[in-house]
Amino acid sequence: MPSRGKAVGNLVKWGVKYGPHVVVLAQQAKEPAMKAAQSALDRQKAKRRAIEHASTVREGTVLKTFDPRVDHGEPVWVVFAGDDPIAAHPSTTTPIAELIANSDLSTRVRPADVQTPAARLKELPRRRMKRTR
């Protein structure tokens, strides 16, 4: 087993040798990672807004669908008041009638049936990992 001094020496040697490469890769990967994180936050925000909007209207429900005119594949949440579609989140230029043309309207969800993130966390199984020390 190598000594600590030799391990530290190897670490310093590898840091000097590969450190600049790691810095360049980190700089190049920063922008795509930030873009992916921002798009995930935007999806969550659109769903949250649709659910909040549906909870403020009479017999409000939400339907997850996809915009047929756009290739990005991001979900669009359509808010219904009874059987009438009233809004889409995020807003889109595609008419709501075209958004829901081929959708299964029986899959609409009431805001009361959607669990909050805190409620989902409480339902996770609680397992304790035993320490092996």
N, C-alpha and C. Protein backbone atom coordinates (compact mmCIF):
# COMPACT_ATOMS: atom_id res chain seq x y z
N MET A 1 0.85 -1.17 0.00
CA MET A 1 0.00 0.00 0.00
C MET A 1 0.90 1.24 0.00
N PRO A 2 0.64 2.17 -0.94
CA PRO A 2 1.50 3.34 -1.01
C PRO A 2 1.31 4.25 0.19
N SER A 3 2.34 4.97 0.49
CA SER A 3 2.27 5.88 1.63
C SER A 3 1.46 7.12 1.27
N ARG A 4 1.09 7.87 2.32
CA ARG A 4 0.31 9.09 2.10
C ARG A 4 1.10 10.11 1.30
N GLY A 5 2.38 10.20 1.55
CA GLY A 5 3.21 11.15 0.83
C GLY A 5 3.22 10.88 -0.67
N LYS A 6 3.31 9.59 -1.02
CA LYS A 6 3.31 9.23 -2.43
C LYS A 6 1.95 9.52 -3.06
N ALA A 7 0.86 9.25 -2.31
CA ALA A 7 -0.48 9.52 -2.82
C ALA A 7 -0.68 11.02 -3.04
N VAL A 8 -0.24 11.84 -2.09
CA VAL A 8 -0.36 13.29 -2.23
C VAL A 8 0.49 13.76 -3.41
N GLY A 9 1.66 13.20 -3.57
CA GLY A 9 2.51 13.56 -4.70
C GLY A 9 1.85 13.24 -6.03
N ASN A 10 1.23 12.05 -6.11
CA ASN A 10 0.52 11.68 -7.34
C ASN A 10 -0.65 12.62 -7.60
N LEU A 11 -1.36 12.98 -6.54
CA LEU A 11 -2.49 13.88 -6.68
C LEU A 11 -2.05 15.24 -7.22
N VAL A 12 -0.97 15.75 -6.69
CA VAL A 12 -0.45 17.04 -7.16
C VAL A 12 0.01 16.92 -8.61
N LYS A 13 0.68 15.83 -8.93
CA LYS A 13 1.18 15.63 -10.29
C LYS A 13 0.01 15.56 -11.29
N TRP A 14 -1.04 14.82 -10.94
CA TRP A 14 -2.20 14.71 -11.83
C TRP A 14 -2.95 16.03 -11.92
N GLY A 15 -3.00 16.77 -10.81
CA GLY A 15 -3.65 18.07 -10.83
C GLY A 15 -2.96 19.04 -11.77
N VAL A 16 -1.64 19.03 -11.75
CA VAL A 16 -0.88 19.90 -12.64
C VAL A 16 -1.05 19.46 -14.09
N LYS A 17 -1.06 18.14 -14.30
CA LYS A 17 -1.13 17.60 -15.66
C LYS A 17 -2.53 17.77 -16.26
N TYR A 18 -3.58 17.41 -15.50
CA TYR A 18 -4.93 17.38 -16.05
C TYR A 18 -5.81 18.55 -15.59
N GLY A 19 -5.34 19.36 -14.68
CA GLY A 19 -6.13 20.47 -14.16
C GLY A 19 -6.64 21.43 -15.23
N PRO A 20 -5.77 21.89 -16.13
CA PRO A 20 -6.26 22.80 -17.18
C PRO A 20 -7.35 22.18 -18.06
N HIS A 21 -7.25 20.88 -18.32
CA HIS A 21 -8.28 20.21 -19.13
C HIS A 21 -9.62 20.20 -18.39
N VAL A 22 -9.57 19.96 -17.10
CA VAL A 22 -10.79 19.93 -16.30
C VAL A 22 -11.44 21.31 -16.28
N VAL A 23 -10.64 22.35 -16.17
CA VAL A 23 -11.18 23.72 -16.15
C VAL A 23 -11.87 24.04 -17.47
N VAL A 24 -11.25 23.69 -18.58
CA VAL A 24 -11.83 23.96 -19.90
C VAL A 24 -13.14 23.19 -20.07
N LEU A 25 -13.15 21.92 -19.68
CA LEU A 25 -14.38 21.11 -19.79
C LEU A 25 -15.49 21.67 -18.92
N ALA A 26 -15.15 22.12 -17.72
CA ALA A 26 -16.16 22.69 -16.83
C ALA A 26 -16.74 23.96 -17.42
N GLN A 27 -15.91 24.78 -18.04
CA GLN A 27 -16.41 26.01 -18.66
C GLN A 27 -17.32 25.71 -19.84
N GLN A 28 -16.98 24.68 -20.62
CA GLN A 28 -17.80 24.33 -21.77
C GLN A 28 -19.12 23.69 -21.36
N ALA A 29 -19.13 22.95 -20.27
CA ALA A 29 -20.33 22.24 -19.83
C ALA A 29 -21.26 23.12 -19.01
N LYS A 30 -20.80 24.28 -18.60
CA LYS A 30 -21.61 25.13 -17.72
C LYS A 30 -22.88 25.61 -18.41
N GLU A 31 -22.75 26.13 -19.62
CA GLU A 31 -23.91 26.69 -20.30
C GLU A 31 -24.98 25.65 -20.63
N PRO A 32 -24.65 24.47 -21.19
CA PRO A 32 -25.70 23.47 -21.43
C PRO A 32 -26.35 22.97 -20.14
N ALA A 33 -25.58 22.87 -19.08
CA ALA A 33 -26.15 22.42 -17.81
C ALA A 33 -27.11 23.47 -17.25
N MET A 34 -26.74 24.73 -17.36
CA MET A 34 -27.62 25.80 -16.88
C MET A 34 -28.90 25.86 -17.72
N LYS A 35 -28.77 25.64 -19.03
CA LYS A 35 -29.94 25.65 -19.91
C LYS A 35 -30.88 24.50 -19.57
N ALA A 36 -30.34 23.31 -19.31
CA ALA A 36 -31.17 22.16 -18.96
C ALA A 36 -31.87 22.38 -17.62
N ALA A 37 -31.16 22.94 -16.67
CA ALA A 37 -31.76 23.21 -15.36
C ALA A 37 -32.86 24.26 -15.48
N GLN A 38 -32.64 25.28 -16.29
CA GLN A 38 -33.65 26.33 -16.47
C GLN A 38 -34.89 25.78 -17.16
N SER A 39 -34.73 24.90 -18.15
CA SER A 39 -35.90 24.34 -18.83
C SER A 39 -36.68 23.43 -17.88
N ALA A 40 -36.00 22.71 -17.00
CA ALA A 40 -36.70 21.88 -16.01
C ALA A 40 -37.50 22.76 -15.05
N LEU A 41 -36.92 23.87 -14.62
CA LEU A 41 -37.65 24.79 -13.75
C LEU A 41 -38.85 25.41 -14.46
N ASP A 42 -38.69 25.72 -15.75
CA ASP A 42 -39.81 26.30 -16.50
C ASP A 42 -40.96 25.31 -16.64
N ARG A 43 -40.64 24.02 -16.84
CA ARG A 43 -41.69 23.00 -16.92
C ARG A 43 -42.45 22.90 -15.60
N GLN A 44 -41.72 22.89 -14.49
CA GLN A 44 -42.36 22.81 -13.18
C GLN A 44 -43.23 24.04 -12.92
N LYS A 45 -42.73 25.21 -13.32
CA LYS A 45 -43.46 26.45 -13.10
C LYS A 45 -44.75 26.46 -13.91
N ALA A 46 -44.71 25.96 -15.15
CA ALA A 46 -45.91 25.93 -15.99
C ALA A 46 -46.96 25.00 -15.39
N LYS A 47 -46.54 23.85 -14.89
CA LYS A 47 -47.49 22.92 -14.27
C LYS A 47 -48.10 23.55 -13.02
N ARG A 48 -47.27 24.16 -12.20
CA ARG A 48 -47.75 24.78 -10.97
C ARG A 48 -48.76 25.90 -11.27
N ARG A 49 -48.46 26.72 -12.28
CA ARG A 49 -49.38 27.80 -12.65
C ARG A 49 -50.71 27.25 -13.15
N ALA A 50 -50.66 26.18 -13.95
CA ALA A 50 -51.89 25.58 -14.47
C ALA A 50 -52.74 25.03 -13.34
N ILE A 51 -52.11 24.37 -12.37
CA ILE A 51 -52.86 23.81 -11.25
C ILE A 51 -53.45 24.93 -10.39
N GLU A 52 -52.68 25.99 -10.16
CA GLU A 52 -53.20 27.12 -9.40
C GLU A 52 -54.35 27.79 -10.13
N HIS A 53 -54.24 27.91 -11.45
CA HIS A 53 -55.31 28.51 -12.25
C HIS A 53 -56.56 27.64 -12.18
N ALA A 54 -56.41 26.33 -12.31
CA ALA A 54 -57.56 25.43 -12.27
C ALA A 54 -58.24 25.43 -10.91
N SER A 55 -57.48 25.68 -9.87
CA SER A 55 -58.08 25.69 -8.53
C SER A 55 -58.90 26.95 -8.28
N THR A 56 -58.75 27.97 -9.13
CA THR A 56 -59.50 29.21 -8.94
C THR A 56 -60.77 29.28 -9.77
N VAL A 57 -60.99 28.32 -10.67
CA VAL A 57 -62.20 28.33 -11.49
C VAL A 57 -63.16 27.24 -11.03
N ARG A 58 -64.41 27.39 -11.38
CA ARG A 58 -65.43 26.42 -10.99
C ARG A 58 -65.22 25.13 -11.78
N GLU A 59 -65.19 24.00 -11.10
CA GLU A 59 -64.96 22.67 -11.69
C GLU A 59 -63.69 22.66 -12.54
N GLY A 60 -62.63 23.21 -12.00
CA GLY A 60 -61.38 23.32 -12.74
C GLY A 60 -60.63 22.00 -12.81
N THR A 61 -60.11 21.70 -14.00
CA THR A 61 -59.27 20.53 -14.21
C THR A 61 -58.10 20.91 -15.09
N VAL A 62 -57.10 20.03 -15.15
CA VAL A 62 -55.89 20.27 -15.93
C VAL A 62 -55.61 19.05 -16.80
N LEU A 63 -55.20 19.29 -18.03
CA LEU A 63 -54.86 18.21 -18.97
C LEU A 63 -53.46 18.46 -19.51
N LYS A 64 -52.63 17.44 -19.43
CA LYS A 64 -51.28 17.54 -19.99
C LYS A 64 -51.33 17.10 -21.45
N THR A 65 -50.85 17.96 -22.33
CA THR A 65 -50.83 17.65 -23.75
C THR A 65 -49.55 18.23 -24.35
N PHE A 66 -49.36 18.01 -25.63
CA PHE A 66 -48.17 18.50 -26.31
C PHE A 66 -48.58 19.30 -27.53
N ASP A 67 -47.83 20.34 -27.82
CA ASP A 67 -48.13 21.23 -28.94
C ASP A 67 -47.74 20.53 -30.25
N PRO A 68 -48.71 20.29 -31.15
CA PRO A 68 -48.38 19.59 -32.40
C PRO A 68 -47.57 20.43 -33.38
N ARG A 69 -47.55 21.74 -33.20
CA ARG A 69 -46.82 22.63 -34.12
C ARG A 69 -45.36 22.81 -33.73
N VAL A 70 -44.99 22.40 -32.53
CA VAL A 70 -43.63 22.64 -32.04
C VAL A 70 -42.92 21.30 -31.87
N ASP A 71 -41.65 21.26 -32.23
CA ASP A 71 -40.90 20.01 -32.18
C ASP A 71 -40.15 19.79 -30.88
N HIS A 72 -40.16 20.75 -29.96
CA HIS A 72 -39.33 20.63 -28.76
C HIS A 72 -39.84 19.59 -27.78
N GLY A 73 -41.09 19.19 -27.86
CA GLY A 73 -41.60 18.13 -26.99
C GLY A 73 -41.89 18.53 -25.56
N GLU A 74 -42.01 19.82 -25.30
CA GLU A 74 -42.32 20.28 -23.95
C GLU A 74 -43.83 20.15 -23.70
N PRO A 75 -44.23 19.74 -22.51
CA PRO A 75 -45.67 19.61 -22.25
C PRO A 75 -46.35 20.98 -22.14
N VAL A 76 -47.61 20.99 -22.54
CA VAL A 76 -48.46 22.17 -22.39
C VAL A 76 -49.63 21.74 -21.53
N TRP A 77 -49.92 22.50 -20.48
CA TRP A 77 -51.00 22.18 -19.55
C TRP A 77 -52.21 23.02 -19.91
N VAL A 78 -53.32 22.37 -20.27
CA VAL A 78 -54.55 23.06 -20.65
C VAL A 78 -55.48 23.05 -19.45
N VAL A 79 -55.99 24.23 -19.09
CA VAL A 79 -56.89 24.39 -17.95
C VAL A 79 -58.33 24.38 -18.46
N PHE A 80 -59.17 23.61 -17.79
CA PHE A 80 -60.58 23.51 -18.15
C PHE A 80 -61.44 24.07 -17.02
N ALA A 81 -62.54 24.73 -17.39
CA ALA A 81 -63.59 25.11 -16.44
C ALA A 81 -64.80 24.30 -16.85
N GLY A 82 -65.07 23.24 -16.12
CA GLY A 82 -66.10 22.29 -16.54
C GLY A 82 -65.57 21.53 -17.75
N ASP A 83 -66.27 21.65 -18.89
CA ASP A 83 -65.82 20.99 -20.12
C ASP A 83 -65.22 21.97 -21.12
N ASP A 84 -65.09 23.22 -20.74
CA ASP A 84 -64.58 24.24 -21.65
C ASP A 84 -63.12 24.54 -21.37
N PRO A 85 -62.24 24.42 -22.39
CA PRO A 85 -60.84 24.81 -22.20
C PRO A 85 -60.75 26.33 -22.14
N ILE A 86 -60.01 26.83 -21.15
CA ILE A 86 -59.95 28.29 -20.99
C ILE A 86 -58.54 28.87 -21.10
N ALA A 87 -57.50 28.06 -20.86
CA ALA A 87 -56.14 28.60 -20.90
C ALA A 87 -55.14 27.48 -21.12
N ALA A 88 -53.94 27.87 -21.52
CA ALA A 88 -52.83 26.93 -21.69
C ALA A 88 -51.61 27.51 -20.99
N HIS A 89 -50.89 26.65 -20.30
CA HIS A 89 -49.65 27.06 -19.61
C HIS A 89 -48.54 26.12 -20.03
N PRO A 90 -47.42 26.55 -20.52
CA PRO A 90 -47.07 27.92 -20.87
C PRO A 90 -47.90 28.37 -22.08
N SER A 91 -48.08 29.66 -22.21
CA SER A 91 -48.91 30.18 -23.30
C SER A 91 -48.26 29.82 -24.64
N THR A 92 -49.12 29.55 -25.61
CA THR A 92 -48.65 29.13 -26.92
C THR A 92 -49.49 29.81 -27.99
N THR A 93 -48.96 29.90 -29.20
CA THR A 93 -49.70 30.52 -30.30
C THR A 93 -50.69 29.55 -30.92
N THR A 94 -50.54 28.26 -30.64
CA THR A 94 -51.46 27.26 -31.17
C THR A 94 -52.81 27.40 -30.47
N PRO A 95 -53.91 27.40 -31.22
CA PRO A 95 -55.23 27.49 -30.58
C PRO A 95 -55.47 26.30 -29.64
N ILE A 96 -56.20 26.56 -28.56
CA ILE A 96 -56.44 25.52 -27.56
C ILE A 96 -57.20 24.35 -28.17
N ALA A 97 -58.11 24.65 -29.10
CA ALA A 97 -58.88 23.57 -29.75
C ALA A 97 -57.95 22.61 -30.48
N GLU A 98 -56.90 23.13 -31.09
CA GLU A 98 -55.94 22.27 -31.78
C GLU A 98 -55.07 21.50 -30.80
N LEU A 99 -54.78 22.10 -29.65
CA LEU A 99 -53.98 21.41 -28.63
C LEU A 99 -54.69 20.17 -28.11
N ILE A 100 -56.00 20.26 -27.93
CA ILE A 100 -56.73 19.14 -27.33
C ILE A 100 -57.47 18.29 -28.35
N ALA A 101 -57.24 18.53 -29.65
CA ALA A 101 -58.00 17.84 -30.70
C ALA A 101 -57.91 16.32 -30.57
N ASN A 102 -56.75 15.77 -30.34
CA ASN A 102 -56.59 14.31 -30.29
C ASN A 102 -56.29 13.81 -28.89
N SER A 103 -56.55 14.61 -27.88
CA SER A 103 -56.24 14.23 -26.50
C SER A 103 -57.39 13.46 -25.87
N ASP A 104 -57.05 12.61 -24.94
CA ASP A 104 -58.05 11.86 -24.17
C ASP A 104 -58.48 12.74 -23.00
N LEU A 105 -59.67 13.29 -23.08
CA LEU A 105 -60.14 14.23 -22.07
C LEU A 105 -60.46 13.56 -20.74
N SER A 106 -60.52 12.24 -20.72
CA SER A 106 -60.79 11.55 -19.46
C SER A 106 -59.56 11.52 -18.55
N THR A 107 -58.41 11.94 -19.06
CA THR A 107 -57.19 11.95 -18.24
C THR A 107 -56.98 13.29 -17.53
N ARG A 108 -57.99 14.16 -17.58
CA ARG A 108 -57.87 15.44 -16.87
C ARG A 108 -57.78 15.18 -15.36
N VAL A 109 -57.09 16.07 -14.68
CA VAL A 109 -56.84 15.91 -13.24
C VAL A 109 -57.36 17.14 -12.51
N ARG A 110 -58.04 16.91 -11.39
CA ARG A 110 -58.48 18.02 -10.55
C ARG A 110 -57.31 18.48 -9.69
N PRO A 111 -57.23 19.75 -9.36
CA PRO A 111 -56.13 20.25 -8.53
C PRO A 111 -56.08 19.59 -7.16
N ALA A 112 -57.22 19.19 -6.62
CA ALA A 112 -57.23 18.54 -5.31
C ALA A 112 -56.59 17.16 -5.35
N ASP A 113 -56.56 16.53 -6.53
CA ASP A 113 -55.98 15.19 -6.66
C ASP A 113 -54.47 15.21 -6.86
N VAL A 114 -53.91 16.37 -7.15
CA VAL A 114 -52.47 16.49 -7.38
C VAL A 114 -51.76 16.65 -6.04
N GLN A 115 -50.79 15.78 -5.79
CA GLN A 115 -50.06 15.86 -4.53
C GLN A 115 -49.01 16.95 -4.58
N THR A 116 -48.79 17.56 -3.45
CA THR A 116 -47.73 18.54 -3.34
C THR A 116 -46.40 17.80 -3.21
N PRO A 117 -45.30 18.45 -3.52
CA PRO A 117 -44.00 17.78 -3.35
C PRO A 117 -43.76 17.32 -1.92
N ALA A 118 -44.23 18.07 -0.94
CA ALA A 118 -44.05 17.67 0.46
C ALA A 118 -44.82 16.39 0.76
N ALA A 119 -46.03 16.27 0.21
CA ALA A 119 -46.81 15.05 0.44
C ALA A 119 -46.17 13.85 -0.23
N ARG A 120 -45.58 14.06 -1.42
CA ARG A 120 -44.90 12.95 -2.10
C ARG A 120 -43.69 12.49 -1.30
N LEU A 121 -42.98 13.43 -0.68
CA LEU A 121 -41.82 13.06 0.13
C LEU A 121 -42.22 12.25 1.35
N LYS A 122 -43.36 12.60 1.94
CA LYS A 122 -43.81 11.87 3.12
C LYS A 122 -44.19 10.43 2.79
N GLU A 123 -44.60 10.17 1.55
CA GLU A 123 -45.00 8.82 1.16
C GLU A 123 -43.82 7.93 0.80
N LEU A 124 -42.66 8.50 0.63
CA LEU A 124 -41.50 7.68 0.29
C LEU A 124 -41.19 6.71 1.43
N PRO A 125 -40.78 5.50 1.09
CA PRO A 125 -40.44 4.56 2.17
C PRO A 125 -39.22 5.06 2.93
N ARG A 126 -39.30 4.93 4.21
CA ARG A 126 -38.19 5.38 5.06
C ARG A 126 -37.33 4.18 5.41
N ARG A 127 -36.15 4.17 4.84
CA ARG A 127 -35.21 3.10 5.13
C ARG A 127 -33.99 3.70 5.79
N ARG A 128 -33.55 3.06 6.79
CA ARG A 128 -32.34 3.53 7.45
C ARG A 128 -31.20 2.63 7.02
N MET A 129 -30.15 3.26 6.61
CA MET A 129 -28.96 2.51 6.23
C MET A 129 -28.15 2.27 7.49
N LYS A 130 -27.74 1.04 7.67
CA LYS A 130 -26.92 0.72 8.83
C LYS A 130 -25.48 1.08 8.53
N ARG A 131 -24.86 1.66 9.50
CA ARG A 131 -23.45 2.01 9.35
C ARG A 131 -22.62 0.77 9.61
N THR A 132 -21.64 0.56 8.80
CA THR A 132 -20.77 -0.60 8.96
C THR A 132 -19.41 -0.15 9.46
N ARG A 133 -19.42 0.39 10.61
CA ARG A 133 -18.16 0.87 11.18
C ARG A 133 -17.83 0.19 12.43
